[in-house]
Amino acid sequence: MSKKIGILAGSLRKESFSKKIGQAIISMAPEGFEFTTVSLADLPMYNQDFDDDNQVPEAYTVFRNEMKSLDGVIFITPEYNRSVPAVLKNALDIGSRPYGQSVWDGKPAAIISNSPGNIAGYGANHHLRQSLVFLNVPAMQQPEVYINKANELFDDNGQFKDERSKDMLQKAIDAYIIWFNKNAE
């Protein structure tokens, strides 16, 4: 039975660099693994009243069930104002509730941050790690994956412009698979 890994891109933009990186990663899944994109586009902002009053939006239920079915997760995040985008933080909050029923607990994760700038999403990467520690999500420590100049990675067809970038990302995914196998419950 294949291990199923969810790819969460922290950007809703149609031409999102994070989404393009996620699409490229799907084809890098080794034998015995299936990579799948998890959409965050339809998630209303988290409000605990929904859970407390049994008025949970269907999108929450669909998302929580999808996340429960996954064995691991790869987060791909841009950096917004030195932190993670609201859509990604919202997904973490929705999946962590109701209290005691977190869909994140123990799922091995990898974090890939990206930016058109030279800092490569360093702040977002580390803010996301802070949240994952609290949620008991073991996140791969090495290699750290920061992609700068993400706006220069792909051609108009969404293909890598150079093999060096593709190889770097493949090595990170290979490392995640090794790390996943050591940390999966």
C-alpha atoms as a PDB file:
ATOM      1  CA  MET A   1       0.000   0.000   0.000  1.00  0.00           C
ATOM      2  CA  SER A   2       1.392   3.401  -1.022  1.00  0.00           C
ATOM      3  CA  LYS A   3       2.134   6.081   1.523  1.00  0.00           C
ATOM      4  CA  LYS A   4       0.124   9.183   0.714  1.00  0.00           C
ATOM      5  CA  ILE A   5       1.833  12.565   1.113  1.00  0.00           C
ATOM      6  CA  GLY A   6      -0.146  15.794   0.876  1.00  0.00           C
ATOM      7  CA  ILE A   7       1.329  18.896  -0.711  1.00  0.00           C
ATOM      8  CA  LEU A   8       0.023  22.161   0.729  1.00  0.00           C
ATOM      9  CA  ALA A   9       0.930  25.325  -1.175  1.00  0.00           C
ATOM     10  CA  GLY A  10       0.517  28.452   0.928  1.00  0.00           C
ATOM     11  CA  SER A  11      -0.604  30.671  -1.909  1.00  0.00           C
ATOM     12  CA  LEU A  12      -3.931  31.059  -3.670  1.00  0.00           C
ATOM     13  CA  ARG A  13      -2.594  33.021  -6.641  1.00  0.00           C
ATOM     14  CA  LYS A  14      -3.236  31.378 -10.024  1.00  0.00           C
ATOM     15  CA  GLU A  15       0.432  31.676 -11.071  1.00  0.00           C
ATOM     16  CA  SER A  16       1.759  30.919  -7.587  1.00  0.00           C
ATOM     17  CA  PHE A  17       5.398  29.844  -7.412  1.00  0.00           C
ATOM     18  CA  SER A  18       4.477  27.568  -4.506  1.00  0.00           C
ATOM     19  CA  LYS A  19       1.835  25.825  -6.620  1.00  0.00           C
ATOM     20  CA  LYS A  20       4.307  25.394  -9.471  1.00  0.00           C
ATOM     21  CA  ILE A  21       6.852  23.877  -7.108  1.00  0.00           C
ATOM     22  CA  GLY A  22       4.138  21.576  -5.774  1.00  0.00           C
ATOM     23  CA  GLN A  23       3.211  20.429  -9.268  1.00  0.00           C
ATOM     24  CA  ALA A  24       6.859  19.699 -10.012  1.00  0.00           C
ATOM     25  CA  ILE A  25       7.162  17.652  -6.820  1.00  0.00           C
ATOM     26  CA  ILE A  26       4.206  15.401  -7.687  1.00  0.00           C
ATOM     27  CA  SER A  27       6.237  13.677 -10.400  1.00  0.00           C
ATOM     28  CA  MET A  28       9.120  13.127  -7.947  1.00  0.00           C
ATOM     29  CA  ALA A  29       7.209  10.634  -5.803  1.00  0.00           C
ATOM     30  CA  PRO A  30       9.180   7.384  -5.607  1.00  0.00           C
ATOM     31  CA  GLU A  31       7.674   3.921  -5.859  1.00  0.00           C
ATOM     32  CA  GLY A  32       5.498   3.197  -2.850  1.00  0.00           C
ATOM     33  CA  PHE A  33       4.523   6.851  -2.414  1.00  0.00           C
ATOM     34  CA  GLU A  34       1.730   8.975  -3.846  1.00  0.00           C
ATOM     35  CA  PHE A  35       1.958  12.766  -3.725  1.00  0.00           C
ATOM     36  CA  THR A  36      -1.301  14.694  -3.913  1.00  0.00           C
ATOM     37  CA  THR A  37      -2.163  18.386  -3.841  1.00  0.00           C
ATOM     38  CA  VAL A  38      -4.441  19.566  -1.039  1.00  0.00           C
ATOM     39  CA  SER A  39      -6.344  22.728  -1.930  1.00  0.00           C
ATOM     40  CA  LEU A  40      -6.717  25.486   0.638  1.00  0.00           C
ATOM     41  CA  ALA A  41      -8.782  27.732  -1.637  1.00  0.00           C
ATOM     42  CA  ASP A  42     -12.237  27.050  -0.168  1.00  0.00           C
ATOM     43  CA  LEU A  43     -11.444  27.193   3.549  1.00  0.00           C
ATOM     44  CA  PRO A  44     -13.287  29.952   5.420  1.00  0.00           C
ATOM     45  CA  MET A  45     -11.272  31.653   8.155  1.00  0.00           C
ATOM     46  CA  TYR A  46     -11.224  29.548  11.307  1.00  0.00           C
ATOM     47  CA  ASN A  47     -13.815  30.432  13.914  1.00  0.00           C
ATOM     48  CA  GLN A  48     -14.099  28.240  17.012  1.00  0.00           C
ATOM     49  CA  ASP A  49     -17.823  29.030  17.212  1.00  0.00           C
ATOM     50  CA  PHE A  50     -18.334  26.743  14.201  1.00  0.00           C
ATOM     51  CA  ASP A  51     -17.023  23.776  16.198  1.00  0.00           C
ATOM     52  CA  ASP A  52     -18.599  24.820  19.503  1.00  0.00           C
ATOM     53  CA  ASP A  53     -22.059  25.322  17.967  1.00  0.00           C
ATOM     54  CA  ASN A  54     -21.959  22.244  15.664  1.00  0.00           C
ATOM     55  CA  GLN A  55     -22.106  24.473  12.590  1.00  0.00           C
ATOM     56  CA  VAL A  56     -18.886  23.270  10.987  1.00  0.00           C
ATOM     57  CA  PRO A  57     -18.569  24.422   7.370  1.00  0.00           C
ATOM     58  CA  GLU A  58     -18.478  21.527   4.913  1.00  0.00           C
ATOM     59  CA  ALA A  59     -15.097  22.760   3.661  1.00  0.00           C
ATOM     60  CA  TYR A  60     -13.631  22.210   7.163  1.00  0.00           C
ATOM     61  CA  THR A  61     -14.952  18.643   7.270  1.00  0.00           C
ATOM     62  CA  VAL A  62     -13.663  17.835   3.779  1.00  0.00           C
ATOM     63  CA  PHE A  63     -10.236  19.283   4.604  1.00  0.00           C
ATOM     64  CA  ARG A  64      -9.972  17.551   7.990  1.00  0.00           C
ATOM     65  CA  ASN A  65     -10.953  14.185   6.493  1.00  0.00           C
ATOM     66  CA  GLU A  66      -8.491  14.585   3.632  1.00  0.00           C
ATOM     67  CA  MET A  67      -5.688  15.439   6.041  1.00  0.00           C
ATOM     68  CA  LYS A  68      -6.551  12.467   8.284  1.00  0.00           C
ATOM     69  CA  SER A  69      -6.129  10.172   5.272  1.00  0.00           C
ATOM     70  CA  LEU A  70      -2.560  11.358   4.635  1.00  0.00           C
ATOM     71  CA  ASP A  71       0.590   9.779   6.032  1.00  0.00           C
ATOM     72  CA  GLY A  72       2.741  12.908   5.733  1.00  0.00           C
ATOM     73  CA  VAL A  73       2.802  16.434   4.380  1.00  0.00           C
ATOM     74  CA  ILE A  74       5.034  18.753   2.391  1.00  0.00           C
ATOM     75  CA  PHE A  75       4.423  22.438   3.056  1.00  0.00           C
ATOM     76  CA  ILE A  76       5.449  24.860   0.328  1.00  0.00           C
ATOM     77  CA  THR A  77       5.256  28.410   1.541  1.00  0.00           C
ATOM     78  CA  PRO A  78       5.940  31.831   0.170  1.00  0.00           C
ATOM     79  CA  GLU A  79       6.818  34.561   2.635  1.00  0.00           C
ATOM     80  CA  TYR A  80       4.330  37.312   3.381  1.00  0.00           C
ATOM     81  CA  ASN A  81       5.658  40.046   5.672  1.00  0.00           C
ATOM     82  CA  ARG A  82       8.362  37.758   7.131  1.00  0.00           C
ATOM     83  CA  SER A  83       5.835  35.049   8.015  1.00  0.00           C
ATOM     84  CA  VAL A  84       3.531  32.413   6.554  1.00  0.00           C
ATOM     85  CA  PRO A  85       0.532  33.472   4.479  1.00  0.00           C
ATOM     86  CA  ALA A  86      -2.818  33.615   6.271  1.00  0.00           C
ATOM     87  CA  VAL A  87      -4.230  30.817   4.104  1.00  0.00           C
ATOM     88  CA  LEU A  88      -1.581  28.384   5.363  1.00  0.00           C
ATOM     89  CA  LYS A  89      -1.909  29.421   9.007  1.00  0.00           C
ATOM     90  CA  ASN A  90      -5.682  29.120   8.659  1.00  0.00           C
ATOM     91  CA  ALA A  91      -5.287  25.535   7.401  1.00  0.00           C
ATOM     92  CA  LEU A  92      -3.104  24.714  10.415  1.00  0.00           C
ATOM     93  CA  ASP A  93      -5.729  26.158  12.760  1.00  0.00           C
ATOM     94  CA  ILE A  94      -8.641  24.343  11.095  1.00  0.00           C
ATOM     95  CA  GLY A  95      -6.780  21.040  11.180  1.00  0.00           C
ATOM     96  CA  SER A  96      -5.792  21.459  14.835  1.00  0.00           C
ATOM     97  CA  ARG A  97      -9.366  21.738  16.071  1.00  0.00           C
ATOM     98  CA  PRO A  98     -11.546  20.753  17.796  1.00  0.00           C
ATOM     99  CA  TYR A  99      -9.055  20.541  20.625  1.00  0.00           C
ATOM    100  CA  GLY A 100      -7.724  17.014  21.032  1.00  0.00           C
ATOM    101  CA  GLN A 101      -8.642  15.987  17.481  1.00  0.00           C
ATOM    102  CA  SER A 102      -5.756  17.478  15.509  1.00  0.00           C
ATOM    103  CA  VAL A 103      -5.226  16.006  12.034  1.00  0.00           C
ATOM    104  CA  TRP A 104      -1.571  17.047  12.218  1.00  0.00           C
ATOM    105  CA  ASP A 105      -0.435  15.003  15.214  1.00  0.00           C
ATOM    106  CA  GLY A 106       2.674  12.982  14.372  1.00  0.00           C
ATOM    107  CA  LYS A 107       2.564  13.457  10.571  1.00  0.00           C
ATOM    108  CA  PRO A 108       6.145  13.731   9.232  1.00  0.00           C
ATOM    109  CA  ALA A 109       6.555  16.973   7.300  1.00  0.00           C
ATOM    110  CA  ALA A 110       8.957  18.858   5.092  1.00  0.00           C
ATOM    111  CA  ILE A 111       9.013  22.606   4.568  1.00  0.00           C
ATOM    112  CA  ILE A 112      10.006  24.310   1.341  1.00  0.00           C
ATOM    113  CA  SER A 113       9.980  28.091   1.378  1.00  0.00           C
ATOM    114  CA  ASN A 114      10.342  30.288  -1.659  1.00  0.00           C
ATOM    115  CA  SER A 115      10.524  33.886  -2.691  1.00  0.00           C
ATOM    116  CA  PRO A 116      11.468  36.003  -5.685  1.00  0.00           C
ATOM    117  CA  GLY A 117      13.966  37.684  -3.358  1.00  0.00           C
ATOM    118  CA  ASN A 118      17.302  36.501  -2.039  1.00  0.00           C
ATOM    119  CA  ILE A 119      16.143  35.675   1.502  1.00  0.00           C
ATOM    120  CA  ALA A 120      14.103  32.794   0.034  1.00  0.00           C
ATOM    121  CA  GLY A 121      11.298  32.760   2.555  1.00  0.00           C
ATOM    122  CA  TYR A 122      13.570  32.223   5.571  1.00  0.00           C
ATOM    123  CA  GLY A 123      11.136  33.958   7.958  1.00  0.00           C
ATOM    124  CA  ALA A 124       8.133  31.973   6.727  1.00  0.00           C
ATOM    125  CA  ASN A 125      10.060  28.715   6.955  1.00  0.00           C
ATOM    126  CA  HIS A 126      10.947  29.296  10.590  1.00  0.00           C
ATOM    127  CA  HIS A 127       7.562  30.668  11.633  1.00  0.00           C
ATOM    128  CA  LEU A 128       5.949  27.573  10.160  1.00  0.00           C
ATOM    129  CA  ARG A 129       8.371  25.388  12.118  1.00  0.00           C
ATOM    130  CA  GLN A 130       7.269  27.115  15.349  1.00  0.00           C
ATOM    131  CA  SER A 131       3.636  26.199  14.726  1.00  0.00           C
ATOM    132  CA  LEU A 132       4.517  22.637  13.724  1.00  0.00           C
ATOM    133  CA  VAL A 133       6.418  22.083  16.990  1.00  0.00           C
ATOM    134  CA  PHE A 134       3.276  22.946  18.954  1.00  0.00           C
ATOM    135  CA  LEU A 135       1.147  20.712  16.704  1.00  0.00           C
ATOM    136  CA  ASN A 136       3.518  17.753  17.240  1.00  0.00           C
ATOM    137  CA  VAL A 137       4.456  17.599  13.580  1.00  0.00           C
ATOM    138  CA  PRO A 138       8.002  16.330  13.180  1.00  0.00           C
ATOM    139  CA  ALA A 139       9.548  18.506  10.468  1.00  0.00           C
ATOM    140  CA  MET A 140      12.622  17.442   8.512  1.00  0.00           C
ATOM    141  CA  GLN A 141      15.605  19.454   9.711  1.00  0.00           C
ATOM    142  CA  GLN A 142      18.094  18.776   6.907  1.00  0.00           C
ATOM    143  CA  PRO A 143      18.303  19.704   4.228  1.00  0.00           C
ATOM    144  CA  GLU A 144      16.675  23.031   4.849  1.00  0.00           C
ATOM    145  CA  VAL A 145      14.969  24.065   1.625  1.00  0.00           C
ATOM    146  CA  TYR A 146      14.932  27.773   0.780  1.00  0.00           C
ATOM    147  CA  ILE A 147      14.332  28.655  -2.853  1.00  0.00           C
ATOM    148  CA  ASN A 148      15.286  32.178  -3.856  1.00  0.00           C
ATOM    149  CA  LYS A 149      14.436  33.762  -7.197  1.00  0.00           C
ATOM    150  CA  ALA A 150      11.404  31.465  -7.457  1.00  0.00           C
ATOM    151  CA  ASN A 151      10.107  33.723 -10.218  1.00  0.00           C
ATOM    152  CA  GLU A 152      12.986  32.482 -12.405  1.00  0.00           C
ATOM    153  CA  LEU A 153      12.533  28.714 -11.828  1.00  0.00           C
ATOM    154  CA  PHE A 154       9.948  27.867 -14.464  1.00  0.00           C
ATOM    155  CA  ASP A 155       9.275  28.562 -18.122  1.00  0.00           C
ATOM    156  CA  ASP A 156       5.851  29.569 -19.477  1.00  0.00           C
ATOM    157  CA  ASN A 157       4.794  25.899 -19.529  1.00  0.00           C
ATOM    158  CA  GLY A 158       5.612  25.348 -15.850  1.00  0.00           C
ATOM    159  CA  GLN A 159       8.766  23.355 -16.618  1.00  0.00           C
ATOM    160  CA  PHE A 160      12.092  23.929 -14.873  1.00  0.00           C
ATOM    161  CA  LYS A 161      14.339  26.287 -16.808  1.00  0.00           C
ATOM    162  CA  ASP A 162      17.474  24.493 -15.634  1.00  0.00           C
ATOM    163  CA  GLU A 163      18.385  21.018 -14.422  1.00  0.00           C
ATOM    164  CA  ARG A 164      20.274  22.348 -11.394  1.00  0.00           C
ATOM    165  CA  SER A 165      17.062  23.603  -9.766  1.00  0.00           C
ATOM    166  CA  LYS A 166      15.215  20.399 -10.563  1.00  0.00           C
ATOM    167  CA  ASP A 167      18.087  18.292  -9.172  1.00  0.00           C
ATOM    168  CA  MET A 168      18.214  20.345  -5.965  1.00  0.00           C
ATOM    169  CA  LEU A 169      14.512  19.841  -5.403  1.00  0.00           C
ATOM    170  CA  GLN A 170      14.740  16.114  -6.218  1.00  0.00           C
ATOM    171  CA  LYS A 171      17.530  15.715  -3.633  1.00  0.00           C
ATOM    172  CA  ALA A 172      15.346  17.442  -1.033  1.00  0.00           C
ATOM    173  CA  ILE A 173      12.423  15.127  -1.829  1.00  0.00           C
ATOM    174  CA  ASP A 174      14.711  12.067  -1.692  1.00  0.00           C
ATOM    175  CA  ALA A 175      15.930  13.230   1.734  1.00  0.00           C
ATOM    176  CA  TYR A 176      12.330  13.699   2.879  1.00  0.00           C
ATOM    177  CA  ILE A 177      11.435  10.136   1.863  1.00  0.00           C
ATOM    178  CA  ILE A 178      14.378   8.750   3.862  1.00  0.00           C
ATOM    179  CA  TRP A 179      13.451  10.958   6.803  1.00  0.00           C
ATOM    180  CA  PHE A 180       9.752  10.047   6.481  1.00  0.00           C
ATOM    181  CA  ASN A 181      10.572   6.332   6.622  1.00  0.00           C
ATOM    182  CA  LYS A 182      12.548   6.874   9.835  1.00  0.00           C
ATOM    183  CA  ASN A 183       9.814   8.963  11.491  1.00  0.00           C
ATOM    184  CA  ALA A 184       6.489   7.557  10.307  1.00  0.00           C
ATOM    185  CA  GLU A 185       4.408   5.942  13.024  1.00  0.00           C
END
